[in-house]
């Protein structure tokens, strides 16, 4: 399951996540599968942030700072 550099193979991770979401869709329904996918995405984002791959200050500067100028 691990690649040559010790990291997980992204294709295999995608297959496993797709398999899990497909099983949830079949057994629990569409709405539950959507919520599970949403939580998987949130967990992925938290993991990337904790690994230092996402800089929240940069994202704030890029997307929100320009929109809040002049608004009160």
PDB file of N, CA and C in Angstrom:
ATOM      1  N   UNK A   1       0.801  -1.189   0.000  1.00  0.00           N
ATOM      2  CA  UNK A   1       0.000   0.000   0.000  1.00  0.00           C
ATOM      3  C   UNK A   1       0.845   1.255   0.000  1.00  0.00           C
ATOM      4  N   UNK A   2       2.083   1.136   0.386  1.00  0.00           N
ATOM      5  CA  UNK A   2       2.949   2.308   0.400  1.00  0.00           C
ATOM      6  C   UNK A   2       3.776   2.345  -0.871  1.00  0.00           C
ATOM      7  N   UNK A   3       4.034   3.576  -1.348  1.00  0.00           N
ATOM      8  CA  UNK A   3       4.848   3.752  -2.529  1.00  0.00           C
ATOM      9  C   UNK A   3       6.316   3.588  -2.185  1.00  0.00           C
ATOM     10  N   UNK A   4       7.170   3.825  -3.160  1.00  0.00           N
ATOM     11  CA  UNK A   4       8.595   3.635  -2.974  1.00  0.00           C
ATOM     12  C   UNK A   4       9.200   4.644  -2.007  1.00  0.00           C
ATOM     13  N   UNK A   5       8.544   5.809  -1.825  1.00  0.00           N
ATOM     14  CA  UNK A   5       9.077   6.811  -0.918  1.00  0.00           C
ATOM     15  C   UNK A   5       8.424   6.773   0.457  1.00  0.00           C
ATOM     16  N   UNK A   6       7.646   5.746   0.757  1.00  0.00           N
ATOM     17  CA  UNK A   6       7.036   5.593   2.066  1.00  0.00           C
ATOM     18  C   UNK A   6       5.667   6.224   2.193  1.00  0.00           C
ATOM     19  N   UNK A   7       5.197   6.937   1.180  1.00  0.00           N
ATOM     20  CA  UNK A   7       3.870   7.548   1.215  1.00  0.00           C
ATOM     21  C   UNK A   7       2.852   6.603   0.599  1.00  0.00           C
ATOM     22  N   UNK A   8       1.605   6.803   0.961  1.00  0.00           N
ATOM     23  CA  UNK A   8       0.543   5.988   0.387  1.00  0.00           C
ATOM     24  C   UNK A   8       0.359   6.352  -1.074  1.00  0.00           C
ATOM     25  N   UNK A   9       0.067   5.372  -1.883  1.00  0.00           N
ATOM     26  CA  UNK A   9      -0.200   5.571  -3.304  1.00  0.00           C
ATOM     27  C   UNK A   9      -1.554   6.269  -3.453  1.00  0.00           C
ATOM     28  N   UNK A  10      -1.598   7.463  -4.050  1.00  0.00           N
ATOM     29  CA  UNK A  10      -2.863   8.200  -4.163  1.00  0.00           C
ATOM     30  C   UNK A  10      -3.949   7.447  -4.925  1.00  0.00           C
ATOM     31  N   UNK A  11      -3.578   6.643  -5.897  1.00  0.00           N
ATOM     32  CA  UNK A  11      -4.572   5.877  -6.643  1.00  0.00           C
ATOM     33  C   UNK A  11      -5.247   4.857  -5.738  1.00  0.00           C
ATOM     34  N   UNK A  12      -4.454   4.192  -4.904  1.00  0.00           N
ATOM     35  CA  UNK A  12      -5.007   3.200  -3.997  1.00  0.00           C
ATOM     36  C   UNK A  12      -5.892   3.851  -2.940  1.00  0.00           C
ATOM     37  N   UNK A  13      -5.478   4.988  -2.437  1.00  0.00           N
ATOM     38  CA  UNK A  13      -6.297   5.715  -1.460  1.00  0.00           C
ATOM     39  C   UNK A  13      -7.625   6.114  -2.098  1.00  0.00           C
ATOM     40  N   UNK A  14      -7.584   6.602  -3.335  1.00  0.00           N
ATOM     41  CA  UNK A  14      -8.808   6.961  -4.044  1.00  0.00           C
ATOM     42  C   UNK A  14      -9.735   5.776  -4.239  1.00  0.00           C
ATOM     43  N   UNK A  15      -9.152   4.631  -4.566  1.00  0.00           N
ATOM     44  CA  UNK A  15      -9.956   3.420  -4.737  1.00  0.00           C
ATOM     45  C   UNK A  15     -10.610   3.021  -3.420  1.00  0.00           C
ATOM     46  N   UNK A  16      -9.857   3.068  -2.330  1.00  0.00           N
ATOM     47  CA  UNK A  16     -10.403   2.681  -1.029  1.00  0.00           C
ATOM     48  C   UNK A  16     -11.494   3.647  -0.557  1.00  0.00           C
ATOM     49  N   UNK A  17     -11.287   4.934  -0.755  1.00  0.00           N
ATOM     50  CA  UNK A  17     -12.309   5.914  -0.373  1.00  0.00           C
ATOM     51  C   UNK A  17     -13.554   5.728  -1.238  1.00  0.00           C
ATOM     52  N   UNK A  18     -13.372   5.519  -2.526  1.00  0.00           N
ATOM     53  CA  UNK A  18     -14.510   5.278  -3.412  1.00  0.00           C
ATOM     54  C   UNK A  18     -15.271   4.011  -3.045  1.00  0.00           C
ATOM     55  N   UNK A  19     -14.546   2.977  -2.684  1.00  0.00           N
ATOM     56  CA  UNK A  19     -15.180   1.725  -2.274  1.00  0.00           C
ATOM     57  C   UNK A  19     -15.990   1.923  -0.997  1.00  0.00           C
ATOM     58  N   UNK A  20     -15.403   2.632  -0.034  1.00  0.00           N
ATOM     59  CA  UNK A  20     -16.104   2.876   1.225  1.00  0.00           C
ATOM     60  C   UNK A  20     -17.353   3.727   0.999  1.00  0.00           C
ATOM     61  N   UNK A  21     -17.230   4.789   0.206  1.00  0.00           N
ATOM     62  CA  UNK A  21     -18.393   5.636  -0.053  1.00  0.00           C
ATOM     63  C   UNK A  21     -19.464   4.896  -0.859  1.00  0.00           C
ATOM     64  N   UNK A  22     -19.038   4.053  -1.778  1.00  0.00           N
ATOM     65  CA  UNK A  22     -19.999   3.250  -2.534  1.00  0.00           C
ATOM     66  C   UNK A  22     -20.763   2.285  -1.640  1.00  0.00           C
ATOM     67  N   UNK A  23     -20.056   1.664  -0.694  1.00  0.00           N
ATOM     68  CA  UNK A  23     -20.722   0.755   0.239  1.00  0.00           C
ATOM     69  C   UNK A  23     -21.701   1.508   1.126  1.00  0.00           C
ATOM     70  N   UNK A  24     -21.316   2.692   1.581  1.00  0.00           N
ATOM     71  CA  UNK A  24     -22.219   3.500   2.398  1.00  0.00           C
ATOM     72  C   UNK A  24     -23.439   3.918   1.583  1.00  0.00           C
ATOM     73  N   UNK A  25     -23.230   4.282   0.326  1.00  0.00           N
ATOM     74  CA  UNK A  25     -24.332   4.674  -0.549  1.00  0.00           C
ATOM     75  C   UNK A  25     -25.321   3.531  -0.716  1.00  0.00           C
ATOM     76  N   UNK A  26     -24.810   2.334  -0.903  1.00  0.00           N
ATOM     77  CA  UNK A  26     -25.680   1.178  -1.127  1.00  0.00           C
ATOM     78  C   UNK A  26     -26.441   0.810   0.143  1.00  0.00           C
ATOM     79  N   UNK A  27     -25.751   0.808   1.278  1.00  0.00           N
ATOM     80  CA  UNK A  27     -26.370   0.306   2.504  1.00  0.00           C
ATOM     81  C   UNK A  27     -27.076   1.374   3.335  1.00  0.00           C
ATOM     82  N   UNK A  28     -26.668   2.630   3.246  1.00  0.00           N
ATOM     83  CA  UNK A  28     -27.231   3.646   4.138  1.00  0.00           C
ATOM     84  C   UNK A  28     -28.005   4.736   3.402  1.00  0.00           C
ATOM     85  N   UNK A  29     -27.820   4.879   2.113  1.00  0.00           N
ATOM     86  CA  UNK A  29     -28.570   5.882   1.368  1.00  0.00           C
ATOM     87  C   UNK A  29     -27.712   7.050   0.914  1.00  0.00           C
ATOM     88  N   UNK A  30     -28.291   7.844   0.041  1.00  0.00           N
ATOM     89  CA  UNK A  30     -27.571   8.936  -0.602  1.00  0.00           C
ATOM     90  C   UNK A  30     -27.180  10.035   0.375  1.00  0.00           C
ATOM     91  N   UNK A  31     -28.088  10.439   1.238  1.00  0.00           N
ATOM     92  CA  UNK A  31     -27.811  11.525   2.168  1.00  0.00           C
ATOM     93  C   UNK A  31     -26.683  11.154   3.133  1.00  0.00           C
ATOM     94  N   UNK A  32     -26.703   9.933   3.646  1.00  0.00           N
ATOM     95  CA  UNK A  32     -25.632   9.497   4.538  1.00  0.00           C
ATOM     96  C   UNK A  32     -24.292   9.432   3.816  1.00  0.00           C
ATOM     97  N   UNK A  33     -24.295   8.986   2.578  1.00  0.00           N
ATOM     98  CA  UNK A  33     -23.053   8.936   1.805  1.00  0.00           C
ATOM     99  C   UNK A  33     -22.509  10.342   1.569  1.00  0.00           C
ATOM    100  N   UNK A  34     -23.404  11.310   1.330  1.00  0.00           N
ATOM    101  CA  UNK A  34     -22.973  12.692   1.146  1.00  0.00           C
ATOM    102  C   UNK A  34     -22.308  13.218   2.415  1.00  0.00           C
ATOM    103  N   UNK A  35     -22.908  12.967   3.566  1.00  0.00           N
ATOM    104  CA  UNK A  35     -22.323  13.442   4.822  1.00  0.00           C
ATOM    105  C   UNK A  35     -20.988  12.772   5.118  1.00  0.00           C
ATOM    106  N   UNK A  36     -20.868  11.493   4.808  1.00  0.00           N
ATOM    107  CA  UNK A  36     -19.590  10.806   4.996  1.00  0.00           C
ATOM    108  C   UNK A  36     -18.527  11.411   4.085  1.00  0.00           C
ATOM    109  N   UNK A  37     -18.888  11.687   2.826  1.00  0.00           N
ATOM    110  CA  UNK A  37     -17.943  12.302   1.897  1.00  0.00           C
ATOM    111  C   UNK A  37     -17.534  13.689   2.390  1.00  0.00           C
ATOM    112  N   UNK A  38     -18.472  14.436   2.936  1.00  0.00           N
ATOM    113  CA  UNK A  38     -18.173  15.761   3.480  1.00  0.00           C
ATOM    114  C   UNK A  38     -17.209  15.666   4.659  1.00  0.00           C
ATOM    115  N   UNK A  39     -17.411  14.685   5.515  1.00  0.00           N
ATOM    116  CA  UNK A  39     -16.505  14.494   6.657  1.00  0.00           C
ATOM    117  C   UNK A  39     -15.135  13.997   6.211  1.00  0.00           C
ATOM    118  N   UNK A  40     -15.091  13.174   5.173  1.00  0.00           N
ATOM    119  CA  UNK A  40     -13.801  12.737   4.631  1.00  0.00           C
ATOM    120  C   UNK A  40     -13.039  13.935   4.096  1.00  0.00           C
ATOM    121  N   UNK A  41     -13.717  14.821   3.384  1.00  0.00           N
ATOM    122  CA  UNK A  41     -13.081  16.032   2.866  1.00  0.00           C
ATOM    123  C   UNK A  41     -12.583  16.912   4.008  1.00  0.00           C
ATOM    124  N   UNK A  42     -13.384  17.078   5.047  1.00  0.00           N
ATOM    125  CA  UNK A  42     -12.972  17.886   6.195  1.00  0.00           C
ATOM    126  C   UNK A  42     -11.752  17.268   6.878  1.00  0.00           C
ATOM    127  N   UNK A  43     -11.736  15.971   7.029  1.00  0.00           N
ATOM    128  CA  UNK A  43     -10.584  15.294   7.626  1.00  0.00           C
ATOM    129  C   UNK A  43      -9.336  15.438   6.782  1.00  0.00           C
ATOM    130  N   UNK A  44      -9.506  15.376   5.474  1.00  0.00           N
ATOM    131  CA  UNK A  44      -8.376  15.552   4.562  1.00  0.00           C
ATOM    132  C   UNK A  44      -7.797  16.952   4.697  1.00  0.00           C
ATOM    133  N   UNK A  45      -8.681  17.962   4.773  1.00  0.00           N
ATOM    134  CA  UNK A  45      -8.221  19.347   4.916  1.00  0.00           C
ATOM    135  C   UNK A  45      -7.512  19.563   6.249  1.00  0.00           C
ATOM    136  N   UNK A  46      -8.036  18.999   7.322  1.00  0.00           N
ATOM    137  CA  UNK A  46      -7.386  19.107   8.632  1.00  0.00           C
ATOM    138  C   UNK A  46      -6.023  18.432   8.590  1.00  0.00           C
ATOM    139  N   UNK A  47      -5.933  17.284   7.940  1.00  0.00           N
ATOM    140  CA  UNK A  47      -4.659  16.584   7.809  1.00  0.00           C
ATOM    141  C   UNK A  47      -3.637  17.395   7.028  1.00  0.00           C
ATOM    142  N   UNK A  48      -4.070  18.006   5.934  1.00  0.00           N
ATOM    143  CA  UNK A  48      -3.157  18.838   5.152  1.00  0.00           C
ATOM    144  C   UNK A  48      -2.714  20.062   5.946  1.00  0.00           C
ATOM    145  N   UNK A  49      -3.625  20.655   6.737  1.00  0.00           N
ATOM    146  CA  UNK A  49      -3.268  21.803   7.559  1.00  0.00           C
ATOM    147  C   UNK A  49      -2.264  21.408   8.642  1.00  0.00           C
ATOM    148  N   UNK A  50      -2.504  20.274   9.297  1.00  0.00           N
ATOM    149  CA  UNK A  50      -1.597  19.846  10.364  1.00  0.00           C
ATOM    150  C   UNK A  50      -0.235  19.432   9.820  1.00  0.00           C
ATOM    151  N   UNK A  51      -0.183  19.010   8.552  1.00  0.00           N
ATOM    152  CA  UNK A  51       1.089  18.651   7.928  1.00  0.00           C
ATOM    153  C   UNK A  51       1.816  19.877   7.392  1.00  0.00           C
ATOM    154  N   UNK A  52       1.175  21.044   7.465  1.00  0.00           N
ATOM    155  CA  UNK A  52       1.793  22.278   6.997  1.00  0.00           C
ATOM    156  C   UNK A  52       1.675  22.501   5.505  1.00  0.00           C
ATOM    157  N   UNK A  53       0.792  21.770   4.845  1.00  0.00           N
ATOM    158  CA  UNK A  53       0.630  21.902   3.404  1.00  0.00           C
ATOM    159  C   UNK A  53      -0.379  22.980   3.024  1.00  0.00           C
ATOM    160  N   UNK A  54      -1.156  23.458   3.995  1.00  0.00           N
ATOM    161  CA  UNK A  54      -2.127  24.523   3.754  1.00  0.00           C
ATOM    162  C   UNK A  54      -1.798  25.672   4.697  1.00  0.00           C
ATOM    163  N   UNK A  55      -1.655  26.867   4.143  1.00  0.00           N
ATOM    164  CA  UNK A  55      -1.369  28.056   4.933  1.00  0.00           C
ATOM    165  C   UNK A  55      -2.640  28.906   4.988  1.00  0.00           C
ATOM    166  N   UNK A  56      -3.288  28.938   6.149  1.00  0.00           N
ATOM    167  CA  UNK A  56      -4.554  29.656   6.268  1.00  0.00           C
ATOM    168  C   UNK A  56      -4.386  31.158   6.093  1.00  0.00           C
ATOM    169  N   UNK A  57      -3.249  31.721   6.517  1.00  0.00           N
ATOM    170  CA  UNK A  57      -3.017  33.149   6.326  1.00  0.00           C
ATOM    171  C   UNK A  57      -2.965  33.502   4.845  1.00  0.00           C
ATOM    172  N   UNK A  58      -2.309  32.661   4.065  1.00  0.00           N
ATOM    173  CA  UNK A  58      -2.236  32.895   2.621  1.00  0.00           C
ATOM    174  C   UNK A  58      -3.616  32.805   1.980  1.00  0.00           C
ATOM    175  N   UNK A  59      -4.400  31.810   2.395  1.00  0.00           N
ATOM    176  CA  UNK A  59      -5.750  31.681   1.847  1.00  0.00           C
ATOM    177  C   UNK A  59      -6.610  32.884   2.220  1.00  0.00           C
ATOM    178  N   UNK A  60      -6.481  33.350   3.459  1.00  0.00           N
ATOM    179  CA  UNK A  60      -7.238  34.523   3.882  1.00  0.00           C
ATOM    180  C   UNK A  60      -6.848  35.742   3.054  1.00  0.00           C
ATOM    181  N   UNK A  61      -5.538  35.940   2.891  1.00  0.00           N
ATOM    182  CA  UNK A  61      -5.074  37.079   2.098  1.00  0.00           C
ATOM    183  C   UNK A  61      -5.565  36.997   0.655  1.00  0.00           C
ATOM    184  N   UNK A  62      -5.539  35.831   0.102  1.00  0.00           N
ATOM    185  CA  UNK A  62      -5.884  35.658  -1.302  1.00  0.00           C
ATOM    186  C   UNK A  62      -7.378  35.834  -1.573  1.00  0.00           C
ATOM    187  N   UNK A  63      -8.226  35.293  -0.704  1.00  0.00           N
ATOM    188  CA  UNK A  63      -9.651  35.239  -1.024  1.00  0.00           C
ATOM    189  C   UNK A  63     -10.536  36.189  -0.223  1.00  0.00           C
ATOM    190  N   UNK A  64     -10.161  36.513   0.989  1.00  0.00           N
ATOM    191  CA  UNK A  64     -11.080  37.273   1.816  1.00  0.00           C
ATOM    192  C   UNK A  64     -10.654  38.702   2.098  1.00  0.00           C
ATOM    193  N   UNK A  65      -9.377  38.969   2.166  1.00  0.00           N
ATOM    194  CA  UNK A  65      -8.931  40.308   2.555  1.00  0.00           C
ATOM    195  C   UNK A  65      -9.435  41.365   1.572  1.00  0.00           C
ATOM    196  N   UNK A  66      -9.380  41.120   0.284  1.00  0.00           N
ATOM    197  CA  UNK A  66      -9.830  42.084  -0.704  1.00  0.00           C
ATOM    198  C   UNK A  66     -11.327  42.329  -0.658  1.00  0.00           C
ATOM    199  N   UNK A  67     -12.092  41.342  -0.206  1.00  0.00           N
ATOM    200  CA  UNK A  67     -13.542  41.481  -0.168  1.00  0.00           C
ATOM    201  C   UNK A  67     -14.012  42.238   1.052  1.00  0.00           C
ATOM    202  N   UNK A  68     -13.200  42.304   2.088  1.00  0.00           N
ATOM    203  CA  UNK A  68     -13.646  42.947   3.328  1.00  0.00           C
ATOM    204  C   UNK A  68     -13.223  44.410   3.398  1.00  0.00           C
ATOM    205  N   UNK A  69     -12.490  44.910   2.424  1.00  0.00           N
ATOM    206  CA  UNK A  69     -12.084  46.315   2.435  1.00  0.00           C
ATOM    207  C   UNK A  69     -13.306  47.211   2.240  1.00  0.00           C
ATOM    208  N   UNK A  70     -13.455  48.172   3.123  1.00  0.00           N
ATOM    209  CA  UNK A  70     -14.534  49.111   3.002  1.00  0.00           C
ATOM    210  C   UNK A  70     -15.874  48.629   3.521  1.00  0.00           C
ATOM    211  N   UNK A  71     -15.948  47.386   3.967  1.00  0.00           N
ATOM    212  CA  UNK A  71     -17.202  46.862   4.522  1.00  0.00           C
ATOM    213  C   UNK A  71     -17.156  46.943   6.025  1.00  0.00           C
ATOM    214  N   UNK A  72     -18.272  47.284   6.604  1.00  0.00           N
ATOM    215  CA  UNK A  72     -18.354  47.322   8.083  1.00  0.00           C
ATOM    216  C   UNK A  72     -19.564  46.583   8.537  1.00  0.00           C
TER     217      UNK A  72
END
